[in-house]
Amino acid sequence: MAGANPRTVFILGGSADIGRALAERYLAAGCTVALTYRARRSVSDLEGRPNLAMIECDVGSSASIEKAVREFAGLGWQWDLFLSSVGTMEPIGPFFDTAFGEWERSLSINALGQLHVLHGLYPLRRRGATAHVMFFAGGGTNNPFTNYSAYAASKILLIKMAELLDDEAPDLNIFVVGPGYVRTKIHEETLRNAERAGRNLEKTQDFLKGAGTSYDDIFGCIEWCSAQGRPVAGGRNFSVVHDPWRNGGAALAAALANDNDLYKLRRRQTLPVDPGSR
């Protein structure tokens, strides 16, 4: 079945919101899709769809991750595109007022567990071609995100890992996409932690009055990064909302191809020179 389609896409967290929307779009494009879920009822309406496999996986559990990798291996498929759409913003609140175990578990869900899945699936990628990997960024990667330290630190970890793996694995085009505000259930976490959310509560309430980033734009940005390949997208952190990737994105692609430091974690600062140091 996989061989009859142009690409095989593995979507971690493909049962709801962004992951579900991406699964629908890749299926419509003629791809074979393997998606993961935590609760079977969340994907019951997808039963019987052609070119689709559904695999149970809880990224907070190493045993569940390893079982999911074995199940994918049993399909005999080779993936071309790995998309991770898993995340939680909880625990929300000041770091020193948060139980460390909860904070640590958030890192496991938002970063370590996702990397564990990629680590297990890496040998199952399509050989002889560049495979593509996408992680989602989120709030706090470019500025402070008060009371959301576990979430923000996890996203920074993924951004840096994309750069490191781009350096280590020449057969991967691995990149990070920041979707901006998207209308998903993750914002319910802020609303139910209103007293601990700080100024992000008002921002979230204001956002929920609008439409947010569309699933089509997220899909389009991922496809652009995949099409550009490793010289342009590899190891980079993109913004769906703010970056000029639309309409071909030729100028952006040229700038990225000519500067290996663009869209990466860098400390750039021009400081005054002390005359006495010369």
C-alpha atoms as a PDB file:
ATOM      1  CA  MET A   1       0.000   0.000   0.000  1.00  0.00           C
ATOM      2  CA  ALA A   2       2.784   2.476   0.884  1.00  0.00           C
ATOM      3  CA  GLY A   3       4.558   1.899  -2.394  1.00  0.00           C
ATOM      4  CA  ALA A   4       1.502   3.022  -4.395  1.00  0.00           C
ATOM      5  CA  ASN A   5       1.718   6.556  -2.957  1.00  0.00           C
ATOM      6  CA  PRO A   6       4.298   9.290  -3.508  1.00  0.00           C
ATOM      7  CA  ARG A   7       5.060   9.793   0.175  1.00  0.00           C
ATOM      8  CA  THR A   8       4.511   8.148   3.538  1.00  0.00           C
ATOM      9  CA  VAL A   9       3.844  10.586   6.365  1.00  0.00           C
ATOM     10  CA  PHE A  10       4.133   9.762  10.066  1.00  0.00           C
ATOM     11  CA  ILE A  11       2.166  12.172  12.259  1.00  0.00           C
ATOM     12  CA  LEU A  12       2.848  12.031  15.983  1.00  0.00           C
ATOM     13  CA  GLY A  13      -0.272  13.314  17.712  1.00  0.00           C
ATOM     14  CA  GLY A  14      -2.426  13.002  14.628  1.00  0.00           C
ATOM     15  CA  SER A  15      -5.782  12.443  16.278  1.00  0.00           C
ATOM     16  CA  ALA A  16      -6.848  16.014  17.055  1.00  0.00           C
ATOM     17  CA  ASP A  17      -6.539  19.663  16.062  1.00  0.00           C
ATOM     18  CA  ILE A  18      -3.447  20.462  13.952  1.00  0.00           C
ATOM     19  CA  GLY A  19      -2.300  16.841  13.634  1.00  0.00           C
ATOM     20  CA  ARG A  20      -5.737  15.724  12.501  1.00  0.00           C
ATOM     21  CA  ALA A  21      -5.967  18.579   9.987  1.00  0.00           C
ATOM     22  CA  LEU A  22      -2.557  17.687   8.552  1.00  0.00           C
ATOM     23  CA  ALA A  23      -3.517  14.024   8.288  1.00  0.00           C
ATOM     24  CA  GLU A  24      -6.607  14.955   6.287  1.00  0.00           C
ATOM     25  CA  ARG A  25      -4.574  17.138   3.927  1.00  0.00           C
ATOM     26  CA  TYR A  26      -1.864  14.561   3.318  1.00  0.00           C
ATOM     27  CA  LEU A  27      -4.428  11.858   2.688  1.00  0.00           C
ATOM     28  CA  ALA A  28      -6.174  14.170   0.217  1.00  0.00           C
ATOM     29  CA  ALA A  29      -2.806  14.678  -1.504  1.00  0.00           C
ATOM     30  CA  GLY A  30      -2.530  10.928  -2.092  1.00  0.00           C
ATOM     31  CA  CYS A  31      -0.026  10.149   0.653  1.00  0.00           C
ATOM     32  CA  THR A  32       0.036   7.154   2.937  1.00  0.00           C
ATOM     33  CA  VAL A  33      -0.382   8.341   6.532  1.00  0.00           C
ATOM     34  CA  ALA A  34       0.406   6.739   9.884  1.00  0.00           C
ATOM     35  CA  LEU A  35      -0.946   8.769  12.770  1.00  0.00           C
ATOM     36  CA  THR A  36      -0.739   8.252  16.509  1.00  0.00           C
ATOM     37  CA  TYR A  37      -3.451   8.722  19.087  1.00  0.00           C
ATOM     38  CA  ARG A  38      -3.886   8.323  22.835  1.00  0.00           C
ATOM     39  CA  ALA A  39      -7.610   7.492  22.969  1.00  0.00           C
ATOM     40  CA  ARG A  40      -9.042   5.146  20.329  1.00  0.00           C
ATOM     41  CA  ARG A  41     -12.413   6.891  20.398  1.00  0.00           C
ATOM     42  CA  SER A  42     -10.751  10.061  19.106  1.00  0.00           C
ATOM     43  CA  VAL A  43     -10.020   8.358  15.770  1.00  0.00           C
ATOM     44  CA  SER A  44     -12.952   5.941  15.546  1.00  0.00           C
ATOM     45  CA  ASP A  45     -14.471   7.930  12.680  1.00  0.00           C
ATOM     46  CA  LEU A  46     -11.330   7.318  10.610  1.00  0.00           C
ATOM     47  CA  GLU A  47     -11.623   3.544  10.736  1.00  0.00           C
ATOM     48  CA  GLY A  48     -11.368   1.991   7.299  1.00  0.00           C
ATOM     49  CA  ARG A  49      -9.841   4.991   5.521  1.00  0.00           C
ATOM     50  CA  PRO A  50      -7.541   3.797   2.732  1.00  0.00           C
ATOM     51  CA  ASN A  51      -3.810   4.447   3.041  1.00  0.00           C
ATOM     52  CA  LEU A  52      -4.149   5.169   6.770  1.00  0.00           C
ATOM     53  CA  ALA A  53      -2.727   3.389   9.808  1.00  0.00           C
ATOM     54  CA  MET A  54      -3.551   4.435  13.366  1.00  0.00           C
ATOM     55  CA  ILE A  55      -1.147   3.640  16.188  1.00  0.00           C
ATOM     56  CA  GLU A  56      -1.638   4.183  19.899  1.00  0.00           C
ATOM     57  CA  CYS A  57       1.167   6.204  21.492  1.00  0.00           C
ATOM     58  CA  ASP A  58       1.578   8.173  24.719  1.00  0.00           C
ATOM     59  CA  VAL A  59       4.765  10.246  24.432  1.00  0.00           C
ATOM     60  CA  GLY A  60       4.909  10.456  28.215  1.00  0.00           C
ATOM     61  CA  SER A  61       5.594   6.709  28.382  1.00  0.00           C
ATOM     62  CA  SER A  62       8.793   5.102  27.059  1.00  0.00           C
ATOM     63  CA  ALA A  63       7.072   1.717  26.902  1.00  0.00           C
ATOM     64  CA  SER A  64       4.237   3.160  24.804  1.00  0.00           C
ATOM     65  CA  ILE A  65       6.711   4.857  22.466  1.00  0.00           C
ATOM     66  CA  GLU A  66       8.684   1.667  21.913  1.00  0.00           C
ATOM     67  CA  LYS A  67       5.491  -0.297  21.281  1.00  0.00           C
ATOM     68  CA  ALA A  68       4.360   2.301  18.728  1.00  0.00           C
ATOM     69  CA  VAL A  69       7.699   2.131  16.904  1.00  0.00           C
ATOM     70  CA  ARG A  70       7.421  -1.668  16.731  1.00  0.00           C
ATOM     71  CA  GLU A  71       3.903  -1.390  15.358  1.00  0.00           C
ATOM     72  CA  PHE A  72       5.007   1.014  12.642  1.00  0.00           C
ATOM     73  CA  ALA A  73       7.912  -1.289  11.784  1.00  0.00           C
ATOM     74  CA  GLY A  74       5.402  -4.130  11.439  1.00  0.00           C
ATOM     75  CA  LEU A  75       3.616  -2.240   8.677  1.00  0.00           C
ATOM     76  CA  GLY A  76       6.671  -2.533   6.458  1.00  0.00           C
ATOM     77  CA  TRP A  77       6.424   1.139   5.511  1.00  0.00           C
ATOM     78  CA  GLN A  78       9.264   3.636   5.157  1.00  0.00           C
ATOM     79  CA  TRP A  79       8.451   7.199   6.128  1.00  0.00           C
ATOM     80  CA  ASP A  80       9.358  10.260   4.057  1.00  0.00           C
ATOM     81  CA  LEU A  81       7.978  12.941   6.369  1.00  0.00           C
ATOM     82  CA  PHE A  82       7.799  12.900  10.180  1.00  0.00           C
ATOM     83  CA  LEU A  83       5.526  15.533  11.752  1.00  0.00           C
ATOM     84  CA  SER A  84       5.190  16.028  15.499  1.00  0.00           C
ATOM     85  CA  SER A  85       1.994  17.668  16.707  1.00  0.00           C
ATOM     86  CA  VAL A  86       2.093  16.895  20.421  1.00  0.00           C
ATOM     87  CA  GLY A  87       2.142  19.429  23.220  1.00  0.00           C
ATOM     88  CA  THR A  88       0.899  20.792  26.506  1.00  0.00           C
ATOM     89  CA  MET A  89       1.434  24.193  28.125  1.00  0.00           C
ATOM     90  CA  GLU A  90       0.907  22.822  31.616  1.00  0.00           C
ATOM     91  CA  PRO A  91       2.091  23.185  34.295  1.00  0.00           C
ATOM     92  CA  ILE A  92       1.355  26.899  34.176  1.00  0.00           C
ATOM     93  CA  GLY A  93       2.705  29.094  36.943  1.00  0.00           C
ATOM     94  CA  PRO A  94       5.987  30.356  38.399  1.00  0.00           C
ATOM     95  CA  PHE A  95       8.782  27.774  38.256  1.00  0.00           C
ATOM     96  CA  PHE A  96       9.442  27.838  41.997  1.00  0.00           C
ATOM     97  CA  ASP A  97       5.734  27.468  42.784  1.00  0.00           C
ATOM     98  CA  THR A  98       5.386  24.415  40.538  1.00  0.00           C
ATOM     99  CA  ALA A  99       5.976  20.803  41.566  1.00  0.00           C
ATOM    100  CA  PHE A 100       9.183  19.819  39.814  1.00  0.00           C
ATOM    101  CA  GLY A 101       7.803  16.426  38.820  1.00  0.00           C
ATOM    102  CA  GLU A 102       5.026  18.140  36.862  1.00  0.00           C
ATOM    103  CA  TRP A 103       7.547  20.478  35.234  1.00  0.00           C
ATOM    104  CA  GLU A 104       9.797  17.562  34.294  1.00  0.00           C
ATOM    105  CA  ARG A 105       6.898  15.588  32.817  1.00  0.00           C
ATOM    106  CA  SER A 106       6.036  18.555  30.616  1.00  0.00           C
ATOM    107  CA  LEU A 107       9.544  18.444  29.154  1.00  0.00           C
ATOM    108  CA  SER A 108       9.053  14.750  28.489  1.00  0.00           C
ATOM    109  CA  ILE A 109       5.824  15.378  26.590  1.00  0.00           C
ATOM    110  CA  ASN A 110       6.892  18.540  24.778  1.00  0.00           C
ATOM    111  CA  ALA A 111      10.395  17.502  23.776  1.00  0.00           C
ATOM    112  CA  LEU A 112      12.044  14.337  25.110  1.00  0.00           C
ATOM    113  CA  GLY A 113       9.214  11.955  24.211  1.00  0.00           C
ATOM    114  CA  GLN A 114       8.968  13.383  20.702  1.00  0.00           C
ATOM    115  CA  LEU A 115      12.707  12.970  20.213  1.00  0.00           C
ATOM    116  CA  HIS A 116      12.417   9.422  21.545  1.00  0.00           C
ATOM    117  CA  VAL A 117       9.887   8.605  18.819  1.00  0.00           C
ATOM    118  CA  LEU A 118      12.093  10.130  16.122  1.00  0.00           C
ATOM    119  CA  HIS A 119      15.087   8.211  17.466  1.00  0.00           C
ATOM    120  CA  GLY A 120      13.151   4.946  17.225  1.00  0.00           C
ATOM    121  CA  LEU A 121      11.780   5.693  13.757  1.00  0.00           C
ATOM    122  CA  TYR A 122      15.005   6.943  12.208  1.00  0.00           C
ATOM    123  CA  PRO A 123      16.057   3.461  10.955  1.00  0.00           C
ATOM    124  CA  LEU A 124      12.614   3.135   9.339  1.00  0.00           C
ATOM    125  CA  ARG A 125      12.946   6.203   7.110  1.00  0.00           C
ATOM    126  CA  ARG A 126      13.034   5.830   3.335  1.00  0.00           C
ATOM    127  CA  ARG A 127      16.622   5.114   2.346  1.00  0.00           C
ATOM    128  CA  GLY A 128      18.339   6.674  -0.612  1.00  0.00           C
ATOM    129  CA  ALA A 129      16.485   9.976  -0.298  1.00  0.00           C
ATOM    130  CA  THR A 130      16.262  12.920   2.076  1.00  0.00           C
ATOM    131  CA  ALA A 131      13.649  12.380   4.773  1.00  0.00           C
ATOM    132  CA  HIS A 132      11.926  15.398   6.293  1.00  0.00           C
ATOM    133  CA  VAL A 133      11.228  16.087   9.979  1.00  0.00           C
ATOM    134  CA  MET A 134       9.137  18.879  11.479  1.00  0.00           C
ATOM    135  CA  PHE A 135       8.613  19.932  15.082  1.00  0.00           C
ATOM    136  CA  PHE A 136       6.355  22.768  16.213  1.00  0.00           C
ATOM    137  CA  ALA A 137       7.711  25.767  18.080  1.00  0.00           C
ATOM    138  CA  GLY A 138       5.577  27.854  20.414  1.00  0.00           C
ATOM    139  CA  GLY A 139       5.446  30.853  22.694  1.00  0.00           C
ATOM    140  CA  GLY A 140       8.566  31.984  24.503  1.00  0.00           C
ATOM    141  CA  THR A 141      11.167  30.884  21.988  1.00  0.00           C
ATOM    142  CA  ASN A 142      12.116  34.456  21.059  1.00  0.00           C
ATOM    143  CA  ASN A 143      11.072  36.341  24.204  1.00  0.00           C
ATOM    144  CA  PRO A 144      10.081  35.662  27.814  1.00  0.00           C
ATOM    145  CA  PHE A 145       6.916  33.611  28.365  1.00  0.00           C
ATOM    146  CA  THR A 146       6.137  34.275  32.006  1.00  0.00           C
ATOM    147  CA  ASN A 147       4.775  31.293  33.976  1.00  0.00           C
ATOM    148  CA  TYR A 148       5.146  28.899  31.024  1.00  0.00           C
ATOM    149  CA  SER A 149       8.769  27.896  31.561  1.00  0.00           C
ATOM    150  CA  ALA A 150       8.379  24.142  30.949  1.00  0.00           C
ATOM    151  CA  TYR A 151       6.639  24.719  27.620  1.00  0.00           C
ATOM    152  CA  ALA A 152       9.055  27.419  26.457  1.00  0.00           C
ATOM    153  CA  ALA A 153      12.184  25.514  27.513  1.00  0.00           C
ATOM    154  CA  SER A 154      10.924  22.414  25.678  1.00  0.00           C
ATOM    155  CA  LYS A 155      10.489  24.360  22.454  1.00  0.00           C
ATOM    156  CA  ILE A 156      13.978  25.831  22.716  1.00  0.00           C
ATOM    157  CA  LEU A 157      15.307  22.287  23.161  1.00  0.00           C
ATOM    158  CA  LEU A 158      13.577  21.184  19.947  1.00  0.00           C
ATOM    159  CA  ILE A 159      14.899  24.193  18.043  1.00  0.00           C
ATOM    160  CA  LYS A 160      18.470  23.462  19.100  1.00  0.00           C
ATOM    161  CA  MET A 161      18.078  19.739  18.443  1.00  0.00           C
ATOM    162  CA  ALA A 162      16.936  20.524  14.897  1.00  0.00           C
ATOM    163  CA  GLU A 163      20.191  22.391  14.348  1.00  0.00           C
ATOM    164  CA  LEU A 164      22.288  19.657  15.943  1.00  0.00           C
ATOM    165  CA  LEU A 165      20.620  16.857  13.987  1.00  0.00           C
ATOM    166  CA  ASP A 166      20.923  18.834  10.771  1.00  0.00           C
ATOM    167  CA  ASP A 167      24.669  18.798  11.404  1.00  0.00           C
ATOM    168  CA  GLU A 168      24.807  15.116  12.367  1.00  0.00           C
ATOM    169  CA  ALA A 169      22.359  13.488   9.941  1.00  0.00           C
ATOM    170  CA  PRO A 170      22.953  14.587   6.330  1.00  0.00           C
ATOM    171  CA  ASP A 171      20.003  12.527   5.084  1.00  0.00           C
ATOM    172  CA  LEU A 172      17.486  14.521   7.168  1.00  0.00           C
ATOM    173  CA  ASN A 173      15.911  17.877   6.410  1.00  0.00           C
ATOM    174  CA  ILE A 174      14.827  18.727   9.956  1.00  0.00           C
ATOM    175  CA  PHE A 175      13.157  22.043  10.726  1.00  0.00           C
ATOM    176  CA  VAL A 176      10.879  23.748  13.238  1.00  0.00           C
ATOM    177  CA  VAL A 177       7.669  25.622  12.424  1.00  0.00           C
ATOM    178  CA  GLY A 178       6.061  28.208  14.681  1.00  0.00           C
ATOM    179  CA  PRO A 179       2.376  28.272  13.725  1.00  0.00           C
ATOM    180  CA  GLY A 180       1.415  31.336  15.744  1.00  0.00           C
ATOM    181  CA  TYR A 181      -1.932  31.344  17.527  1.00  0.00           C
ATOM    182  CA  VAL A 182      -4.081  28.458  16.280  1.00  0.00           C
ATOM    183  CA  ARG A 183      -7.562  27.666  17.556  1.00  0.00           C
ATOM    184  CA  THR A 184      -6.851  24.366  19.330  1.00  0.00           C
ATOM    185  CA  LYS A 185      -7.752  22.807  22.659  1.00  0.00           C
ATOM    186  CA  ILE A 186      -4.344  23.702  24.097  1.00  0.00           C
ATOM    187  CA  HIS A 187      -5.673  27.162  24.969  1.00  0.00           C
ATOM    188  CA  GLU A 188      -8.144  25.592  27.362  1.00  0.00           C
ATOM    189  CA  GLU A 189      -5.139  24.964  29.618  1.00  0.00           C
ATOM    190  CA  THR A 190      -4.573  28.709  29.970  1.00  0.00           C
ATOM    191  CA  LEU A 191      -8.254  29.374  30.654  1.00  0.00           C
ATOM    192  CA  ARG A 192      -8.468  26.780  33.422  1.00  0.00           C
ATOM    193  CA  ASN A 193      -5.245  28.122  34.975  1.00  0.00           C
ATOM    194  CA  ALA A 194      -6.423  31.723  34.798  1.00  0.00           C
ATOM    195  CA  GLU A 195      -4.978  32.758  38.171  1.00  0.00           C
ATOM    196  CA  ARG A 196      -1.518  31.427  37.254  1.00  0.00           C
ATOM    197  CA  ALA A 197      -1.405  32.418  33.587  1.00  0.00           C
ATOM    198  CA  GLY A 198      -0.344  36.029  34.148  1.00  0.00           C
ATOM    199  CA  ARG A 199      -0.562  38.400  31.215  1.00  0.00           C
ATOM    200  CA  ASN A 200      -0.954  35.504  28.770  1.00  0.00           C
ATOM    201  CA  LEU A 201      -4.539  35.074  29.979  1.00  0.00           C
ATOM    202  CA  GLU A 202      -5.625  38.348  28.416  1.00  0.00           C
ATOM    203  CA  LYS A 203      -3.654  37.624  25.240  1.00  0.00           C
ATOM    204  CA  THR A 204      -5.347  34.230  24.941  1.00  0.00           C
ATOM    205  CA  GLN A 205      -8.807  35.666  25.555  1.00  0.00           C
ATOM    206  CA  ASP A 206      -8.219  38.306  22.878  1.00  0.00           C
ATOM    207  CA  PHE A 207      -6.925  35.705  20.430  1.00  0.00           C
ATOM    208  CA  LEU A 208      -9.947  33.492  20.894  1.00  0.00           C
ATOM    209  CA  LYS A 209     -12.111  36.300  19.535  1.00  0.00           C
ATOM    210  CA  GLY A 210     -10.429  35.889  16.133  1.00  0.00           C
ATOM    211  CA  ALA A 211      -9.685  33.150  13.625  1.00  0.00           C
ATOM    212  CA  GLY A 212      -5.982  32.532  14.226  1.00  0.00           C
ATOM    213  CA  THR A 213      -3.615  30.798  11.811  1.00  0.00           C
ATOM    214  CA  SER A 214      -5.353  28.536   9.328  1.00  0.00           C
ATOM    215  CA  TYR A 215      -4.552  24.850   8.974  1.00  0.00           C
ATOM    216  CA  ASP A 216      -4.012  25.454   5.252  1.00  0.00           C
ATOM    217  CA  ASP A 217      -1.246  27.961   6.009  1.00  0.00           C
ATOM    218  CA  ILE A 218       0.447  25.542   8.424  1.00  0.00           C
ATOM    219  CA  PHE A 219       0.268  22.777   5.813  1.00  0.00           C
ATOM    220  CA  GLY A 220       1.565  25.151   3.154  1.00  0.00           C
ATOM    221  CA  CYS A 221       4.557  26.244   5.243  1.00  0.00           C
ATOM    222  CA  ILE A 222       5.520  22.644   6.043  1.00  0.00           C
ATOM    223  CA  GLU A 223       5.296  21.744   2.369  1.00  0.00           C
ATOM    224  CA  TRP A 224       7.427  24.773   1.440  1.00  0.00           C
ATOM    225  CA  CYS A 225      10.122  23.775   3.938  1.00  0.00           C
ATOM    226  CA  SER A 226      10.072  20.210   2.652  1.00  0.00           C
ATOM    227  CA  ALA A 227      10.271  21.309  -0.984  1.00  0.00           C
ATOM    228  CA  GLN A 228      13.171  23.693  -0.324  1.00  0.00           C
ATOM    229  CA  GLY A 229      15.160  20.894   1.239  1.00  0.00           C
ATOM    230  CA  ARG A 230      18.085  20.844   3.570  1.00  0.00           C
ATOM    231  CA  PRO A 231      20.175  23.727   2.114  1.00  0.00           C
ATOM    232  CA  VAL A 232      17.346  26.162   2.875  1.00  0.00           C
ATOM    233  CA  ALA A 233      15.255  24.630   5.661  1.00  0.00           C
ATOM    234  CA  GLY A 234      17.630  22.298   7.505  1.00  0.00           C
ATOM    235  CA  GLY A 235      18.157  23.223  11.150  1.00  0.00           C
ATOM    236  CA  ARG A 236      16.000  26.359  10.880  1.00  0.00           C
ATOM    237  CA  ASN A 237      13.104  27.782  12.880  1.00  0.00           C
ATOM    238  CA  PHE A 238      10.309  29.232  10.741  1.00  0.00           C
ATOM    239  CA  SER A 239       7.246  31.356  11.452  1.00  0.00           C
ATOM    240  CA  VAL A 240       4.121  30.515   9.485  1.00  0.00           C
ATOM    241  CA  VAL A 241       2.686  33.966  10.158  1.00  0.00           C
ATOM    242  CA  HIS A 242       5.663  36.293   9.782  1.00  0.00           C
ATOM    243  CA  ASP A 243       8.066  34.711   7.281  1.00  0.00           C
ATOM    244  CA  PRO A 244       7.749  35.435   3.515  1.00  0.00           C
ATOM    245  CA  TRP A 245       7.500  31.820   2.346  1.00  0.00           C
ATOM    246  CA  ARG A 246       4.277  32.294   0.396  1.00  0.00           C
ATOM    247  CA  ASN A 247       4.151  32.685  -3.391  1.00  0.00           C
ATOM    248  CA  GLY A 248       7.275  30.599  -3.819  1.00  0.00           C
ATOM    249  CA  GLY A 249       9.355  32.396  -1.196  1.00  0.00           C
ATOM    250  CA  ALA A 250      12.279  32.815  -3.598  1.00  0.00           C
ATOM    251  CA  ALA A 251      13.858  35.758  -1.773  1.00  0.00           C
ATOM    252  CA  LEU A 252      13.646  33.989   1.585  1.00  0.00           C
ATOM    253  CA  ALA A 253      15.114  30.796   0.141  1.00  0.00           C
ATOM    254  CA  ALA A 254      18.029  32.711  -1.388  1.00  0.00           C
ATOM    255  CA  ALA A 255      18.767  34.533   1.877  1.00  0.00           C
ATOM    256  CA  LEU A 256      18.738  31.318   3.894  1.00  0.00           C
ATOM    257  CA  ALA A 257      20.900  29.449   1.397  1.00  0.00           C
ATOM    258  CA  ASN A 258      23.502  32.229   1.624  1.00  0.00           C
ATOM    259  CA  ASP A 259      23.632  32.580   5.416  1.00  0.00           C
ATOM    260  CA  ASN A 260      23.893  29.483   7.580  1.00  0.00           C
ATOM    261  CA  ASP A 261      23.174  31.512  10.736  1.00  0.00           C
ATOM    262  CA  LEU A 262      19.745  32.811   9.755  1.00  0.00           C
ATOM    263  CA  TYR A 263      16.713  31.459  11.642  1.00  0.00           C
ATOM    264  CA  LYS A 264      18.902  29.666  14.190  1.00  0.00           C
ATOM    265  CA  LEU A 265      19.683  30.210  17.863  1.00  0.00           C
ATOM    266  CA  ARG A 266      22.492  32.754  17.872  1.00  0.00           C
ATOM    267  CA  ARG A 267      23.905  35.397  20.196  1.00  0.00           C
ATOM    268  CA  ARG A 268      24.635  38.385  17.994  1.00  0.00           C
ATOM    269  CA  GLN A 269      25.540  41.652  19.641  1.00  0.00           C
ATOM    270  CA  THR A 270      27.753  44.609  18.763  1.00  0.00           C
ATOM    271  CA  LEU A 271      29.436  45.942  21.869  1.00  0.00           C
ATOM    272  CA  PRO A 272      31.377  49.197  22.353  1.00  0.00           C
ATOM    273  CA  VAL A 273      35.124  48.671  22.355  1.00  0.00           C
ATOM    274  CA  ASP A 274      37.015  49.797  25.451  1.00  0.00           C
ATOM    275  CA  PRO A 275      39.899  51.965  24.152  1.00  0.00           C
ATOM    276  CA  GLY A 276      42.072  50.739  27.010  1.00  0.00           C
ATOM    277  CA  SER A 277      41.836  47.147  25.741  1.00  0.00           C
ATOM    278  CA  ARG A 278      43.730  47.936  22.551  1.00  0.00           C
END
